[in-house]
Amino acid sequence: MNLANISLLLLRLSISYIWLTSGISKFLNKEFISSFSGTIENFAKNTPHDFYVNFLNQSIIPNSYIFAQLTIWGEILTGVAFLLGFPMVIAVFAGILMNINYYLVATSTPSQFINILLIFSQFAVYATGAGSIWGLSAKINK
């Protein structure tokens, strides 16, 4: 295994770690689901993107229980998929979709930057075939 492959593997595992720790911490937080609606209301008040405020108020807040569950399980399953290296298409799509949503509610530059960095990192993992480096994609695609 060369240095480029090791770097891609470490990038994929780092993304997995970020999603897994975020999702598991939400899963273990007994108040996450009950406070999700209030959190989204605060995001709606503070987001600089007017079009997104309507989406939050009309779609997310009225269905906050469902979206809280989707957030938890989306993060956990995306982390598992990155860890296993399969199914990368779904993992990358889900990860980028979540990061775009998190970017749109971010009110600080560091939060926005982290989401942009993760979007490009996830795309790079997919574009370079990093799921095939010590991952299930290599075993399945043979």
N, C-alpha and C. Protein backbone atom coordinates (compact mmCIF):
# COMPACT_ATOMS: atom_id res chain seq x y z
N MET A 1 0.85 -1.18 0.00
CA MET A 1 0.00 0.00 0.00
C MET A 1 0.89 1.23 0.00
N ASN A 2 0.61 2.15 -0.92
CA ASN A 2 1.44 3.35 -1.03
C ASN A 2 0.89 4.48 -0.16
N LEU A 3 1.64 5.56 -0.10
CA LEU A 3 1.27 6.69 0.75
C LEU A 3 -0.06 7.32 0.34
N ALA A 4 -0.34 7.39 -0.95
CA ALA A 4 -1.61 7.97 -1.41
C ALA A 4 -2.79 7.15 -0.91
N ASN A 5 -2.69 5.83 -0.99
CA ASN A 5 -3.76 4.97 -0.51
C ASN A 5 -3.93 5.08 1.00
N ILE A 6 -2.83 5.15 1.71
CA ILE A 6 -2.91 5.31 3.17
C ILE A 6 -3.58 6.63 3.52
N SER A 7 -3.25 7.68 2.78
CA SER A 7 -3.87 9.00 3.02
C SER A 7 -5.38 8.95 2.77
N LEU A 8 -5.78 8.30 1.69
CA LEU A 8 -7.21 8.18 1.38
C LEU A 8 -7.93 7.34 2.43
N LEU A 9 -7.31 6.28 2.88
CA LEU A 9 -7.90 5.46 3.93
C LEU A 9 -8.07 6.27 5.21
N LEU A 10 -7.05 7.02 5.58
CA LEU A 10 -7.14 7.85 6.80
C LEU A 10 -8.20 8.94 6.66
N LEU A 11 -8.34 9.51 5.47
CA LEU A 11 -9.39 10.51 5.25
C LEU A 11 -10.76 9.86 5.41
N ARG A 12 -10.95 8.70 4.80
CA ARG A 12 -12.23 7.99 4.90
C ARG A 12 -12.54 7.64 6.35
N LEU A 13 -11.56 7.15 7.09
CA LEU A 13 -11.78 6.79 8.49
C LEU A 13 -12.01 8.01 9.37
N SER A 14 -11.38 9.12 9.02
CA SER A 14 -11.60 10.37 9.78
C SER A 14 -13.03 10.87 9.59
N ILE A 15 -13.52 10.80 8.36
CA ILE A 15 -14.91 11.20 8.10
C ILE A 15 -15.86 10.27 8.84
N SER A 16 -15.55 8.98 8.84
CA SER A 16 -16.36 8.02 9.57
C SER A 16 -16.41 8.38 11.05
N TYR A 17 -15.27 8.70 11.61
CA TYR A 17 -15.19 9.06 13.03
C TYR A 17 -16.05 10.29 13.34
N ILE A 18 -15.99 11.29 12.47
CA ILE A 18 -16.78 12.51 12.67
C ILE A 18 -18.27 12.18 12.69
N TRP A 19 -18.74 11.42 11.69
CA TRP A 19 -20.16 11.08 11.64
C TRP A 19 -20.57 10.18 12.80
N LEU A 20 -19.76 9.18 13.11
CA LEU A 20 -20.13 8.26 14.19
C LEU A 20 -20.18 8.96 15.54
N THR A 21 -19.18 9.76 15.86
CA THR A 21 -19.18 10.43 17.17
C THR A 21 -20.34 11.42 17.28
N SER A 22 -20.64 12.10 16.18
CA SER A 22 -21.75 13.05 16.20
C SER A 22 -23.08 12.32 16.37
N GLY A 23 -23.30 11.26 15.60
CA GLY A 23 -24.55 10.52 15.68
C GLY A 23 -24.74 9.79 16.99
N ILE A 24 -23.68 9.16 17.48
CA ILE A 24 -23.78 8.42 18.74
C ILE A 24 -24.01 9.37 19.92
N SER A 25 -23.36 10.54 19.88
CA SER A 25 -23.59 11.50 20.97
C SER A 25 -25.04 11.98 20.98
N LYS A 26 -25.64 12.13 19.81
CA LYS A 26 -27.05 12.51 19.74
C LYS A 26 -27.94 11.36 20.21
N PHE A 27 -27.60 10.14 19.83
CA PHE A 27 -28.36 8.96 20.24
C PHE A 27 -28.34 8.80 21.76
N LEU A 28 -27.21 9.05 22.38
CA LEU A 28 -27.08 8.89 23.83
C LEU A 28 -27.63 10.07 24.62
N ASN A 29 -27.85 11.20 23.96
CA ASN A 29 -28.40 12.38 24.61
C ASN A 29 -29.91 12.24 24.71
N LYS A 30 -30.41 11.99 25.90
CA LYS A 30 -31.85 11.77 26.11
C LYS A 30 -32.70 12.97 25.73
N GLU A 31 -32.11 14.16 25.72
CA GLU A 31 -32.86 15.38 25.43
C GLU A 31 -32.78 15.82 23.97
N PHE A 32 -32.00 15.12 23.16
CA PHE A 32 -31.80 15.58 21.78
C PHE A 32 -33.13 15.65 21.02
N ILE A 33 -33.90 14.59 21.08
CA ILE A 33 -35.15 14.55 20.30
C ILE A 33 -36.14 15.58 20.82
N SER A 34 -36.28 15.68 22.14
CA SER A 34 -37.26 16.63 22.70
C SER A 34 -36.84 18.09 22.49
N SER A 35 -35.56 18.35 22.38
CA SER A 35 -35.11 19.73 22.19
C SER A 35 -34.86 20.09 20.73
N PHE A 36 -35.04 19.13 19.84
CA PHE A 36 -34.73 19.34 18.42
C PHE A 36 -35.57 20.48 17.83
N SER A 37 -36.85 20.52 18.13
CA SER A 37 -37.73 21.56 17.60
C SER A 37 -37.25 22.95 18.02
N GLY A 38 -36.89 23.09 19.29
CA GLY A 38 -36.40 24.38 19.77
C GLY A 38 -35.07 24.76 19.13
N THR A 39 -34.22 23.79 18.93
CA THR A 39 -32.94 24.04 18.27
C THR A 39 -33.17 24.54 16.84
N ILE A 40 -34.08 23.89 16.13
CA ILE A 40 -34.37 24.29 14.75
C ILE A 40 -35.02 25.67 14.72
N GLU A 41 -35.87 25.97 15.71
CA GLU A 41 -36.47 27.31 15.79
C GLU A 41 -35.39 28.38 15.95
N ASN A 42 -34.39 28.09 16.78
CA ASN A 42 -33.26 29.03 16.94
C ASN A 42 -32.48 29.18 15.64
N PHE A 43 -32.26 28.06 14.96
CA PHE A 43 -31.57 28.13 13.67
C PHE A 43 -32.38 28.97 12.69
N ALA A 44 -33.69 28.80 12.68
CA ALA A 44 -34.55 29.55 11.76
C ALA A 44 -34.48 31.05 12.04
N LYS A 45 -34.34 31.41 13.30
CA LYS A 45 -34.26 32.83 13.66
C LYS A 45 -32.92 33.44 13.25
N ASN A 46 -31.87 32.62 13.24
CA ASN A 46 -30.53 33.15 13.06
C ASN A 46 -29.87 32.86 11.71
N THR A 47 -30.45 31.98 10.92
CA THR A 47 -29.81 31.65 9.65
C THR A 47 -29.83 32.85 8.71
N PRO A 48 -28.74 33.08 8.01
CA PRO A 48 -28.71 34.21 7.08
C PRO A 48 -29.39 33.92 5.73
N HIS A 49 -29.87 32.71 5.55
CA HIS A 49 -30.46 32.30 4.27
C HIS A 49 -31.99 32.30 4.38
N ASP A 50 -32.62 33.33 3.83
CA ASP A 50 -34.06 33.51 3.94
C ASP A 50 -34.86 32.34 3.38
N PHE A 51 -34.44 31.81 2.23
CA PHE A 51 -35.19 30.70 1.63
C PHE A 51 -35.20 29.48 2.55
N TYR A 52 -34.15 29.35 3.34
CA TYR A 52 -34.04 28.17 4.20
C TYR A 52 -34.92 28.32 5.45
N VAL A 53 -35.16 29.53 5.85
CA VAL A 53 -36.03 29.79 7.01
C VAL A 53 -37.41 29.21 6.74
N ASN A 54 -37.95 29.43 5.55
CA ASN A 54 -39.27 28.90 5.21
C ASN A 54 -39.27 27.37 5.25
N PHE A 55 -38.23 26.76 4.73
CA PHE A 55 -38.12 25.30 4.75
C PHE A 55 -38.10 24.79 6.20
N LEU A 56 -37.33 25.43 7.05
CA LEU A 56 -37.26 25.02 8.46
C LEU A 56 -38.61 25.16 9.14
N ASN A 57 -39.25 26.31 8.94
CA ASN A 57 -40.53 26.58 9.61
C ASN A 57 -41.68 25.73 9.08
N GLN A 58 -41.70 25.48 7.79
CA GLN A 58 -42.83 24.77 7.20
C GLN A 58 -42.66 23.26 7.14
N SER A 59 -41.44 22.78 7.06
CA SER A 59 -41.23 21.34 6.89
C SER A 59 -40.57 20.67 8.09
N ILE A 60 -39.51 21.26 8.59
CA ILE A 60 -38.72 20.59 9.63
C ILE A 60 -39.39 20.71 11.00
N ILE A 61 -39.73 21.90 11.42
CA ILE A 61 -40.28 22.10 12.77
C ILE A 61 -41.58 21.32 12.99
N PRO A 62 -42.54 21.34 12.05
CA PRO A 62 -43.77 20.56 12.29
C PRO A 62 -43.51 19.04 12.35
N ASN A 63 -42.42 18.60 11.78
CA ASN A 63 -42.08 17.17 11.77
C ASN A 63 -40.77 16.92 12.51
N SER A 64 -40.58 17.66 13.59
CA SER A 64 -39.28 17.63 14.27
C SER A 64 -38.91 16.26 14.82
N TYR A 65 -39.88 15.48 15.28
CA TYR A 65 -39.56 14.15 15.80
C TYR A 65 -38.95 13.27 14.70
N ILE A 66 -39.57 13.29 13.54
CA ILE A 66 -39.07 12.48 12.41
C ILE A 66 -37.68 12.95 11.98
N PHE A 67 -37.50 14.27 11.88
CA PHE A 67 -36.22 14.80 11.43
C PHE A 67 -35.13 14.61 12.48
N ALA A 68 -35.48 14.60 13.75
CA ALA A 68 -34.50 14.31 14.80
C ALA A 68 -34.00 12.87 14.65
N GLN A 69 -34.94 11.95 14.41
CA GLN A 69 -34.55 10.55 14.20
C GLN A 69 -33.70 10.40 12.93
N LEU A 70 -34.11 11.08 11.87
CA LEU A 70 -33.35 11.03 10.62
C LEU A 70 -31.93 11.58 10.81
N THR A 71 -31.80 12.61 11.62
CA THR A 71 -30.49 13.18 11.90
C THR A 71 -29.61 12.17 12.63
N ILE A 72 -30.14 11.59 13.69
CA ILE A 72 -29.37 10.62 14.47
C ILE A 72 -28.94 9.45 13.60
N TRP A 73 -29.91 8.80 12.98
CA TRP A 73 -29.61 7.58 12.22
C TRP A 73 -28.88 7.88 10.92
N GLY A 74 -29.12 9.03 10.34
CA GLY A 74 -28.37 9.42 9.14
C GLY A 74 -26.89 9.57 9.45
N GLU A 75 -26.57 10.21 10.58
CA GLU A 75 -25.17 10.38 10.96
C GLU A 75 -24.52 9.04 11.32
N ILE A 76 -25.22 8.22 12.08
CA ILE A 76 -24.65 6.93 12.48
C ILE A 76 -24.43 6.03 11.26
N LEU A 77 -25.44 5.90 10.42
CA LEU A 77 -25.32 5.02 9.26
C LEU A 77 -24.31 5.54 8.24
N THR A 78 -24.21 6.85 8.10
CA THR A 78 -23.18 7.41 7.22
C THR A 78 -21.80 7.10 7.77
N GLY A 79 -21.63 7.23 9.07
CA GLY A 79 -20.35 6.89 9.69
C GLY A 79 -19.98 5.43 9.52
N VAL A 80 -20.96 4.55 9.67
CA VAL A 80 -20.71 3.11 9.48
C VAL A 80 -20.33 2.82 8.03
N ALA A 81 -21.04 3.44 7.09
CA ALA A 81 -20.75 3.22 5.67
C ALA A 81 -19.34 3.70 5.32
N PHE A 82 -18.93 4.84 5.85
CA PHE A 82 -17.56 5.31 5.60
C PHE A 82 -16.55 4.37 6.26
N LEU A 83 -16.86 3.87 7.43
CA LEU A 83 -15.97 2.94 8.11
C LEU A 83 -15.78 1.67 7.30
N LEU A 84 -16.88 1.12 6.81
CA LEU A 84 -16.82 -0.13 6.05
C LEU A 84 -16.36 0.07 4.60
N GLY A 85 -16.45 1.29 4.12
CA GLY A 85 -16.11 1.54 2.72
C GLY A 85 -17.20 1.07 1.77
N PHE A 86 -18.41 0.95 2.28
CA PHE A 86 -19.54 0.49 1.46
C PHE A 86 -20.84 0.83 2.15
N PRO A 87 -21.84 1.23 1.48
CA PRO A 87 -21.97 1.67 0.09
C PRO A 87 -21.58 3.14 -0.03
N MET A 88 -20.50 3.41 -0.69
CA MET A 88 -19.94 4.75 -0.73
C MET A 88 -20.83 5.77 -1.43
N VAL A 89 -21.53 5.38 -2.48
CA VAL A 89 -22.40 6.34 -3.18
C VAL A 89 -23.46 6.88 -2.23
N ILE A 90 -24.08 5.99 -1.49
CA ILE A 90 -25.12 6.40 -0.54
C ILE A 90 -24.53 7.20 0.61
N ALA A 91 -23.39 6.75 1.12
CA ALA A 91 -22.74 7.45 2.24
C ALA A 91 -22.34 8.86 1.85
N VAL A 92 -21.73 9.00 0.70
CA VAL A 92 -21.29 10.32 0.25
C VAL A 92 -22.50 11.23 -0.01
N PHE A 93 -23.53 10.70 -0.66
CA PHE A 93 -24.74 11.49 -0.91
C PHE A 93 -25.36 11.95 0.41
N ALA A 94 -25.53 11.03 1.36
CA ALA A 94 -26.14 11.38 2.65
C ALA A 94 -25.27 12.37 3.41
N GLY A 95 -23.96 12.13 3.42
CA GLY A 95 -23.05 13.03 4.13
C GLY A 95 -23.07 14.44 3.56
N ILE A 96 -23.00 14.53 2.25
CA ILE A 96 -23.01 15.86 1.61
C ILE A 96 -24.36 16.55 1.83
N LEU A 97 -25.44 15.81 1.73
CA LEU A 97 -26.77 16.39 1.97
C LEU A 97 -26.88 16.93 3.40
N MET A 98 -26.40 16.16 4.39
CA MET A 98 -26.45 16.65 5.77
C MET A 98 -25.55 17.87 5.93
N ASN A 99 -24.35 17.86 5.35
CA ASN A 99 -23.46 18.99 5.49
C ASN A 99 -23.99 20.25 4.81
N ILE A 100 -24.69 20.10 3.70
CA ILE A 100 -25.31 21.27 3.07
C ILE A 100 -26.36 21.87 4.00
N ASN A 101 -27.16 21.01 4.61
CA ASN A 101 -28.18 21.50 5.55
C ASN A 101 -27.54 22.15 6.76
N TYR A 102 -26.48 21.56 7.30
CA TYR A 102 -25.79 22.14 8.45
C TYR A 102 -25.12 23.46 8.06
N TYR A 103 -24.61 23.54 6.85
CA TYR A 103 -24.01 24.79 6.37
C TYR A 103 -25.06 25.90 6.33
N LEU A 104 -26.25 25.57 5.86
CA LEU A 104 -27.28 26.59 5.70
C LEU A 104 -27.80 27.13 7.03
N VAL A 105 -27.65 26.40 8.11
CA VAL A 105 -28.06 26.91 9.42
C VAL A 105 -26.89 27.44 10.24
N ALA A 106 -25.68 27.26 9.74
CA ALA A 106 -24.50 27.74 10.47
C ALA A 106 -24.48 29.25 10.47
N THR A 107 -24.22 29.81 11.64
CA THR A 107 -24.20 31.27 11.76
C THR A 107 -22.79 31.80 11.99
N SER A 108 -21.82 30.91 12.10
CA SER A 108 -20.45 31.37 12.30
C SER A 108 -19.56 30.83 11.18
N THR A 109 -18.52 31.57 10.88
CA THR A 109 -17.60 31.18 9.82
C THR A 109 -16.92 29.85 10.09
N PRO A 110 -16.46 29.56 11.33
CA PRO A 110 -15.85 28.25 11.54
C PRO A 110 -16.80 27.08 11.24
N SER A 111 -18.06 27.20 11.63
CA SER A 111 -19.03 26.13 11.36
C SER A 111 -19.26 25.98 9.86
N GLN A 112 -19.37 27.09 9.17
CA GLN A 112 -19.56 27.04 7.73
C GLN A 112 -18.35 26.40 7.06
N PHE A 113 -17.16 26.77 7.49
CA PHE A 113 -15.93 26.25 6.90
C PHE A 113 -15.82 24.74 7.11
N ILE A 114 -16.14 24.27 8.30
CA ILE A 114 -16.07 22.83 8.59
C ILE A 114 -17.01 22.06 7.67
N ASN A 115 -18.21 22.59 7.46
CA ASN A 115 -19.16 21.90 6.58
C ASN A 115 -18.69 21.90 5.13
N ILE A 116 -18.13 22.99 4.67
CA ILE A 116 -17.58 23.03 3.31
C ILE A 116 -16.42 22.05 3.18
N LEU A 117 -15.56 22.01 4.18
CA LEU A 117 -14.43 21.09 4.17
C LEU A 117 -14.90 19.64 4.12
N LEU A 118 -15.91 19.31 4.89
CA LEU A 118 -16.45 17.94 4.88
C LEU A 118 -17.12 17.61 3.55
N ILE A 119 -17.80 18.56 2.95
CA ILE A 119 -18.43 18.32 1.64
C ILE A 119 -17.36 17.93 0.63
N PHE A 120 -16.30 18.72 0.53
CA PHE A 120 -15.24 18.42 -0.43
C PHE A 120 -14.48 17.15 -0.07
N SER A 121 -14.28 16.90 1.21
CA SER A 121 -13.57 15.68 1.64
C SER A 121 -14.36 14.44 1.28
N GLN A 122 -15.66 14.48 1.49
CA GLN A 122 -16.50 13.33 1.15
C GLN A 122 -16.53 13.10 -0.35
N PHE A 123 -16.61 14.18 -1.10
CA PHE A 123 -16.57 14.03 -2.55
C PHE A 123 -15.23 13.45 -2.99
N ALA A 124 -14.14 13.89 -2.38
CA ALA A 124 -12.81 13.37 -2.72
C ALA A 124 -12.70 11.88 -2.42
N VAL A 125 -13.28 11.45 -1.30
CA VAL A 125 -13.26 10.03 -0.95
C VAL A 125 -13.97 9.23 -2.03
N TYR A 126 -15.10 9.72 -2.47
CA TYR A 126 -15.84 9.00 -3.51
C TYR A 126 -15.10 9.04 -4.86
N ALA A 127 -14.65 10.23 -5.24
CA ALA A 127 -14.03 10.41 -6.56
C ALA A 127 -12.74 9.60 -6.72
N THR A 128 -12.06 9.34 -5.63
CA THR A 128 -10.79 8.61 -5.70
C THR A 128 -10.96 7.12 -5.45
N GLY A 129 -12.17 6.69 -5.17
CA GLY A 129 -12.40 5.27 -4.92
C GLY A 129 -11.85 4.79 -3.59
N ALA A 130 -11.86 5.66 -2.61
CA ALA A 130 -11.28 5.31 -1.31
C ALA A 130 -12.03 4.19 -0.59
N GLY A 131 -13.24 3.90 -1.00
CA GLY A 131 -13.97 2.79 -0.41
C GLY A 131 -13.35 1.44 -0.74
N SER A 132 -12.53 1.42 -1.78
CA SER A 132 -11.88 0.18 -2.18
C SER A 132 -10.57 -0.08 -1.43
N ILE A 133 -10.12 0.89 -0.67
CA ILE A 133 -8.88 0.73 0.09
C ILE A 133 -9.24 0.18 1.47
N TRP A 134 -8.98 -1.07 1.67
CA TRP A 134 -9.33 -1.78 2.90
C TRP A 134 -10.80 -1.57 3.24
N GLY A 135 -11.65 -1.70 2.24
CA GLY A 135 -13.07 -1.52 2.44
C GLY A 135 -13.85 -2.60 1.72
N LEU A 136 -15.11 -2.68 2.03
CA LEU A 136 -15.97 -3.70 1.41
C LEU A 136 -16.17 -3.49 -0.08
N SER A 137 -16.04 -2.24 -0.55
CA SER A 137 -16.20 -1.99 -1.98
C SER A 137 -15.21 -2.81 -2.80
N ALA A 138 -14.00 -2.98 -2.30
CA ALA A 138 -12.99 -3.77 -3.01
C ALA A 138 -13.41 -5.23 -3.11
N LYS A 139 -13.99 -5.76 -2.04
CA LYS A 139 -14.40 -7.17 -2.01
C LYS A 139 -15.62 -7.41 -2.89
N ILE A 140 -16.55 -6.48 -2.88
CA ILE A 140 -17.81 -6.65 -3.61
C ILE A 140 -17.61 -6.43 -5.10
N ASN A 141 -16.76 -5.49 -5.48
CA ASN A 141 -16.57 -5.17 -6.89
C ASN A 141 -15.65 -6.12 -7.63
N LYS A 142 -15.10 -7.12 -6.97
CA LYS A 142 -14.20 -8.07 -7.64
C LYS A 142 -14.96 -9.07 -8.43
